[in-house]
Amino acid sequence: MAKDIENPCVSLCQLNSEMCVSCGRSREEIRKWRGMKRPEKMAAVQKATARLKAFSKKKSKGQG
């Protein structure tokens, strides 16, 4: 059996609109995580990573 996808939660939940700025997941992804199948979790983690990168770039541009 394939290894389960680790939950990206870092236990610092900070929701900014519809996204957690700590793990990058949407409210919906956080809510549905336990019931997701492996491919869904993989996709959620990839989307979360992309969101965090975009958020970091946006945040750093605003400060510079």
PDB file of N, CA and C in Angstrom:
ATOM      1  N   MET A   1       0.839  -1.192   0.000  1.00  0.00           N
ATOM      2  CA  MET A   1       0.000   0.000   0.000  1.00  0.00           C
ATOM      3  C   MET A   1       0.881   1.252   0.000  1.00  0.00           C
ATOM      4  N   ALA A   2       0.500   2.230  -0.766  1.00  0.00           N
ATOM      5  CA  ALA A   2       1.270   3.461  -0.873  1.00  0.00           C
ATOM      6  C   ALA A   2       1.193   4.268   0.420  1.00  0.00           C
ATOM      7  N   LYS A   3       2.274   4.970   0.686  1.00  0.00           N
ATOM      8  CA  LYS A   3       2.329   5.806   1.892  1.00  0.00           C
ATOM      9  C   LYS A   3       1.276   6.903   1.811  1.00  0.00           C
ATOM     10  N   ASP A   4       0.637   7.168   2.949  1.00  0.00           N
ATOM     11  CA  ASP A   4      -0.380   8.213   2.998  1.00  0.00           C
ATOM     12  C   ASP A   4       0.281   9.581   2.883  1.00  0.00           C
ATOM     13  N   ILE A   5      -0.449  10.538   2.353  1.00  0.00           N
ATOM     14  CA  ILE A   5       0.035  11.901   2.215  1.00  0.00           C
ATOM     15  C   ILE A   5      -0.036  12.582   3.575  1.00  0.00           C
ATOM     16  N   GLU A   6       1.076  13.165   3.993  1.00  0.00           N
ATOM     17  CA  GLU A   6       1.118  13.839   5.285  1.00  0.00           C
ATOM     18  C   GLU A   6       0.328  15.138   5.236  1.00  0.00           C
ATOM     19  N   ASN A   7      -0.410  15.388   6.285  1.00  0.00           N
ATOM     20  CA  ASN A   7      -1.190  16.616   6.401  1.00  0.00           C
ATOM     21  C   ASN A   7      -0.226  17.803   6.458  1.00  0.00           C
ATOM     22  N   PRO A   8      -0.418  18.820   5.604  1.00  0.00           N
ATOM     23  CA  PRO A   8       0.496  19.962   5.576  1.00  0.00           C
ATOM     24  C   PRO A   8       0.279  20.964   6.716  1.00  0.00           C
ATOM     25  N   CYS A   9      -0.672  20.696   7.570  1.00  0.00           N
ATOM     26  CA  CYS A   9      -0.969  21.596   8.684  1.00  0.00           C
ATOM     27  C   CYS A   9       0.263  21.760   9.573  1.00  0.00           C
ATOM     28  N   VAL A  10       0.552  23.010   9.939  1.00  0.00           N
ATOM     29  CA  VAL A  10       1.681  23.297  10.827  1.00  0.00           C
ATOM     30  C   VAL A  10       1.184  23.794  12.188  1.00  0.00           C
ATOM     31  N   SER A  11      -0.092  23.616  12.446  1.00  0.00           N
ATOM     32  CA  SER A  11      -0.739  23.999  13.710  1.00  0.00           C
ATOM     33  C   SER A  11      -0.622  25.488  14.037  1.00  0.00           C
ATOM     34  N   LEU A  12      -0.590  26.299  12.999  1.00  0.00           N
ATOM     35  CA  LEU A  12      -0.597  27.759  13.146  1.00  0.00           C
ATOM     36  C   LEU A  12      -1.666  28.324  12.221  1.00  0.00           C
ATOM     37  N   CYS A  13      -2.882  27.895  12.426  1.00  0.00           N
ATOM     38  CA  CYS A  13      -3.981  28.272  11.540  1.00  0.00           C
ATOM     39  C   CYS A  13      -4.210  29.783  11.532  1.00  0.00           C
ATOM     40  N   GLN A  14      -4.068  30.370  10.352  1.00  0.00           N
ATOM     41  CA  GLN A  14      -4.302  31.797  10.160  1.00  0.00           C
ATOM     42  C   GLN A  14      -5.012  31.962   8.827  1.00  0.00           C
ATOM     43  N   LEU A  15      -6.333  32.010   8.890  1.00  0.00           N
ATOM     44  CA  LEU A  15      -7.098  32.126   7.658  1.00  0.00           C
ATOM     45  C   LEU A  15      -7.155  33.575   7.193  1.00  0.00           C
ATOM     46  N   ASN A  16      -6.765  33.773   5.949  1.00  0.00           N
ATOM     47  CA  ASN A  16      -6.797  35.068   5.300  1.00  0.00           C
ATOM     48  C   ASN A  16      -7.775  34.906   4.144  1.00  0.00           C
ATOM     49  N   SER A  17      -8.982  35.362   4.312  1.00  0.00           N
ATOM     50  CA  SER A  17     -10.027  35.155   3.319  1.00  0.00           C
ATOM     51  C   SER A  17     -10.339  33.661   3.245  1.00  0.00           C
ATOM     52  N   GLU A  18      -9.989  33.012   2.152  1.00  0.00           N
ATOM     53  CA  GLU A  18     -10.299  31.594   1.983  1.00  0.00           C
ATOM     54  C   GLU A  18      -9.067  30.696   2.073  1.00  0.00           C
ATOM     55  N   MET A  19      -7.907  31.239   2.474  1.00  0.00           N
ATOM     56  CA  MET A  19      -6.683  30.456   2.499  1.00  0.00           C
ATOM     57  C   MET A  19      -6.000  30.560   3.861  1.00  0.00           C
ATOM     58  N   CYS A  20      -5.430  29.459   4.308  1.00  0.00           N
ATOM     59  CA  CYS A  20      -4.617  29.483   5.518  1.00  0.00           C
ATOM     60  C   CYS A  20      -3.223  29.942   5.108  1.00  0.00           C
ATOM     61  N   VAL A  21      -2.747  31.028   5.692  1.00  0.00           N
ATOM     62  CA  VAL A  21      -1.438  31.563   5.311  1.00  0.00           C
ATOM     63  C   VAL A  21      -0.287  30.748   5.905  1.00  0.00           C
ATOM     64  N   SER A  22      -0.593  29.767   6.743  1.00  0.00           N
ATOM     65  CA  SER A  22       0.448  28.899   7.296  1.00  0.00           C
ATOM     66  C   SER A  22       0.681  27.654   6.442  1.00  0.00           C
ATOM     67  N   CYS A  23      -0.394  27.012   5.986  1.00  0.00           N
ATOM     68  CA  CYS A  23      -0.222  25.779   5.200  1.00  0.00           C
ATOM     69  C   CYS A  23      -0.606  25.947   3.726  1.00  0.00           C
ATOM     70  N   GLY A  24      -1.331  27.013   3.396  1.00  0.00           N
ATOM     71  CA  GLY A  24      -1.684  27.275   2.002  1.00  0.00           C
ATOM     72  C   GLY A  24      -2.957  26.618   1.517  1.00  0.00           C
ATOM     73  N   ARG A  25      -3.592  25.815   2.363  1.00  0.00           N
ATOM     74  CA  ARG A  25      -4.823  25.156   1.921  1.00  0.00           C
ATOM     75  C   ARG A  25      -6.020  26.087   2.038  1.00  0.00           C
ATOM     76  N   SER A  26      -7.015  25.818   1.210  1.00  0.00           N
ATOM     77  CA  SER A  26      -8.257  26.579   1.276  1.00  0.00           C
ATOM     78  C   SER A  26      -9.106  26.048   2.428  1.00  0.00           C
ATOM     79  N   ARG A  27     -10.096  26.832   2.818  1.00  0.00           N
ATOM     80  CA  ARG A  27     -11.018  26.377   3.873  1.00  0.00           C
ATOM     81  C   ARG A  27     -11.624  25.025   3.499  1.00  0.00           C
ATOM     82  N   GLU A  28     -12.017  24.911   2.249  1.00  0.00           N
ATOM     83  CA  GLU A  28     -12.663  23.683   1.760  1.00  0.00           C
ATOM     84  C   GLU A  28     -11.706  22.493   1.840  1.00  0.00           C
ATOM     85  N   GLU A  29     -10.444  22.693   1.450  1.00  0.00           N
ATOM     86  CA  GLU A  29      -9.464  21.609   1.501  1.00  0.00           C
ATOM     87  C   GLU A  29      -9.204  21.183   2.946  1.00  0.00           C
ATOM     88  N   ILE A  30      -9.145  22.142   3.849  1.00  0.00           N
ATOM     89  CA  ILE A  30      -8.941  21.824   5.263  1.00  0.00           C
ATOM     90  C   ILE A  30     -10.122  21.004   5.787  1.00  0.00           C
ATOM     91  N   ARG A  31     -11.319  21.451   5.448  1.00  0.00           N
ATOM     92  CA  ARG A  31     -12.535  20.789   5.915  1.00  0.00           C
ATOM     93  C   ARG A  31     -12.650  19.359   5.370  1.00  0.00           C
ATOM     94  N   LYS A  32     -12.271  19.151   4.124  1.00  0.00           N
ATOM     95  CA  LYS A  32     -12.446  17.846   3.477  1.00  0.00           C
ATOM     96  C   LYS A  32     -11.232  16.923   3.602  1.00  0.00           C
ATOM     97  N   TRP A  33     -10.132  17.383   4.186  1.00  0.00           N
ATOM     98  CA  TRP A  33      -8.876  16.633   4.195  1.00  0.00           C
ATOM     99  C   TRP A  33      -9.039  15.174   4.628  1.00  0.00           C
ATOM    100  N   ARG A  34      -9.664  14.928   5.744  1.00  0.00           N
ATOM    101  CA  ARG A  34      -9.779  13.563   6.265  1.00  0.00           C
ATOM    102  C   ARG A  34     -10.491  12.607   5.311  1.00  0.00           C
ATOM    103  N   GLY A  35     -11.426  13.121   4.527  1.00  0.00           N
ATOM    104  CA  GLY A  35     -12.186  12.269   3.621  1.00  0.00           C
ATOM    105  C   GLY A  35     -11.597  12.167   2.217  1.00  0.00           C
ATOM    106  N   MET A  36     -10.530  12.902   1.955  1.00  0.00           N
ATOM    107  CA  MET A  36      -9.923  12.891   0.616  1.00  0.00           C
ATOM    108  C   MET A  36      -9.143  11.606   0.379  1.00  0.00           C
ATOM    109  N   LYS A  37      -9.132  11.175  -0.869  1.00  0.00           N
ATOM    110  CA  LYS A  37      -8.317  10.036  -1.277  1.00  0.00           C
ATOM    111  C   LYS A  37      -6.913  10.563  -1.598  1.00  0.00           C
ATOM    112  N   ARG A  38      -5.953   9.666  -1.703  1.00  0.00           N
ATOM    113  CA  ARG A  38      -4.555  10.040  -1.910  1.00  0.00           C
ATOM    114  C   ARG A  38      -4.351  11.020  -3.073  1.00  0.00           C
ATOM    115  N   PRO A  39      -4.908  10.771  -4.270  1.00  0.00           N
ATOM    116  CA  PRO A  39      -4.695  11.715  -5.377  1.00  0.00           C
ATOM    117  C   PRO A  39      -5.238  13.119  -5.087  1.00  0.00           C
ATOM    118  N   GLU A  40      -6.354  13.177  -4.371  1.00  0.00           N
ATOM    119  CA  GLU A  40      -6.932  14.469  -4.007  1.00  0.00           C
ATOM    120  C   GLU A  40      -6.019  15.211  -3.028  1.00  0.00           C
ATOM    121  N   LYS A  41      -5.458  14.466  -2.088  1.00  0.00           N
ATOM    122  CA  LYS A  41      -4.541  15.072  -1.122  1.00  0.00           C
ATOM    123  C   LYS A  41      -3.283  15.581  -1.818  1.00  0.00           C
ATOM    124  N   MET A  42      -2.762  14.787  -2.762  1.00  0.00           N
ATOM    125  CA  MET A  42      -1.572  15.213  -3.508  1.00  0.00           C
ATOM    126  C   MET A  42      -1.847  16.513  -4.253  1.00  0.00           C
ATOM    127  N   ALA A  43      -3.000  16.598  -4.889  1.00  0.00           N
ATOM    128  CA  ALA A  43      -3.379  17.806  -5.631  1.00  0.00           C
ATOM    129  C   ALA A  43      -3.544  18.989  -4.682  1.00  0.00           C
ATOM    130  N   ALA A  44      -4.147  18.758  -3.519  1.00  0.00           N
ATOM    131  CA  ALA A  44      -4.349  19.830  -2.541  1.00  0.00           C
ATOM    132  C   ALA A  44      -3.009  20.365  -2.046  1.00  0.00           C
ATOM    133  N   VAL A  45      -2.058  19.469  -1.798  1.00  0.00           N
ATOM    134  CA  VAL A  45      -0.731  19.879  -1.329  1.00  0.00           C
ATOM    135  C   VAL A  45      -0.015  20.685  -2.414  1.00  0.00           C
ATOM    136  N   GLN A  46      -0.121  20.255  -3.657  1.00  0.00           N
ATOM    137  CA  GLN A  46       0.509  20.996  -4.761  1.00  0.00           C
ATOM    138  C   GLN A  46      -0.098  22.387  -4.912  1.00  0.00           C
ATOM    139  N   LYS A  47      -1.417  22.474  -4.838  1.00  0.00           N
ATOM    140  CA  LYS A  47      -2.093  23.769  -4.928  1.00  0.00           C
ATOM    141  C   LYS A  47      -1.701  24.658  -3.759  1.00  0.00           C
ATOM    142  N   ALA A  48      -1.634  24.073  -2.561  1.00  0.00           N
ATOM    143  CA  ALA A  48      -1.278  24.831  -1.361  1.00  0.00           C
ATOM    144  C   ALA A  48       0.132  25.406  -1.487  1.00  0.00           C
ATOM    145  N   THR A  49       1.052  24.605  -1.995  1.00  0.00           N
ATOM    146  CA  THR A  49       2.426  25.063  -2.182  1.00  0.00           C
ATOM    147  C   THR A  49       2.478  26.239  -3.147  1.00  0.00           C
ATOM    148  N   ALA A  50       1.738  26.126  -4.237  1.00  0.00           N
ATOM    149  CA  ALA A  50       1.693  27.215  -5.222  1.00  0.00           C
ATOM    150  C   ALA A  50       1.071  28.477  -4.616  1.00  0.00           C
ATOM    151  N   ARG A  51       0.028  28.307  -3.838  1.00  0.00           N
ATOM    152  CA  ARG A  51      -0.615  29.465  -3.192  1.00  0.00           C
ATOM    153  C   ARG A  51       0.342  30.165  -2.234  1.00  0.00           C
ATOM    154  N   LEU A  52       1.082  29.375  -1.450  1.00  0.00           N
ATOM    155  CA  LEU A  52       2.021  29.960  -0.493  1.00  0.00           C
ATOM    156  C   LEU A  52       3.127  30.729  -1.206  1.00  0.00           C
ATOM    157  N   LYS A  53       3.617  30.187  -2.327  1.00  0.00           N
ATOM    158  CA  LYS A  53       4.648  30.886  -3.106  1.00  0.00           C
ATOM    159  C   LYS A  53       4.110  32.210  -3.634  1.00  0.00           C
ATOM    160  N   ALA A  54       2.906  32.179  -4.177  1.00  0.00           N
ATOM    161  CA  ALA A  54       2.286  33.397  -4.705  1.00  0.00           C
ATOM    162  C   ALA A  54       2.047  34.398  -3.588  1.00  0.00           C
ATOM    163  N   PHE A  55       1.605  33.922  -2.437  1.00  0.00           N
ATOM    164  CA  PHE A  55       1.336  34.790  -1.292  1.00  0.00           C
ATOM    165  C   PHE A  55       2.634  35.435  -0.803  1.00  0.00           C
ATOM    166  N   SER A  56       3.717  34.643  -0.748  1.00  0.00           N
ATOM    167  CA  SER A  56       5.007  35.167  -0.297  1.00  0.00           C
ATOM    168  C   SER A  56       5.535  36.244  -1.241  1.00  0.00           C
ATOM    169  N   LYS A  57       5.403  36.005  -2.550  1.00  0.00           N
ATOM    170  CA  LYS A  57       5.855  36.992  -3.534  1.00  0.00           C
ATOM    171  C   LYS A  57       5.060  38.287  -3.403  1.00  0.00           C
ATOM    172  N   LYS A  58       3.751  38.141  -3.274  1.00  0.00           N
ATOM    173  CA  LYS A  58       2.859  39.289  -3.142  1.00  0.00           C
ATOM    174  C   LYS A  58       3.201  40.080  -1.876  1.00  0.00           C
ATOM    175  N   LYS A  59       3.428  39.352  -0.797  1.00  0.00           N
ATOM    176  CA  LYS A  59       3.734  39.975   0.498  1.00  0.00           C
ATOM    177  C   LYS A  59       5.092  40.697   0.440  1.00  0.00           C
ATOM    178  N   SER A  60       6.093  40.089  -0.170  1.00  0.00           N
ATOM    179  CA  SER A  60       7.416  40.711  -0.239  1.00  0.00           C
ATOM    180  C   SER A  60       7.417  41.938  -1.164  1.00  0.00           C
ATOM    181  N   LYS A  61       6.615  41.911  -2.216  1.00  0.00           N
ATOM    182  CA  LYS A  61       6.507  43.087  -3.103  1.00  0.00           C
ATOM    183  C   LYS A  61       5.873  44.255  -2.382  1.00  0.00           C
ATOM    184  N   GLY A  62       4.906  43.974  -1.524  1.00  0.00           N
ATOM    185  CA  GLY A  62       4.216  45.009  -0.776  1.00  0.00           C
ATOM    186  C   GLY A  62       5.083  45.667   0.279  1.00  0.00           C
ATOM    187  N   GLN A  63       6.132  44.957   0.730  1.00  0.00           N
ATOM    188  CA  GLN A  63       6.991  45.487   1.772  1.00  0.00           C
ATOM    189  C   GLN A  63       8.224  46.184   1.219  1.00  0.00           C
ATOM    190  N   GLY A  64       8.514  46.002  -0.068  1.00  0.00           N
ATOM    191  CA  GLY A  64       9.762  46.533  -0.611  1.00  0.00           C
ATOM    192  C   GLY A  64       9.604  47.756  -1.325  1.00  0.00           C
TER     193      GLY A  64
END
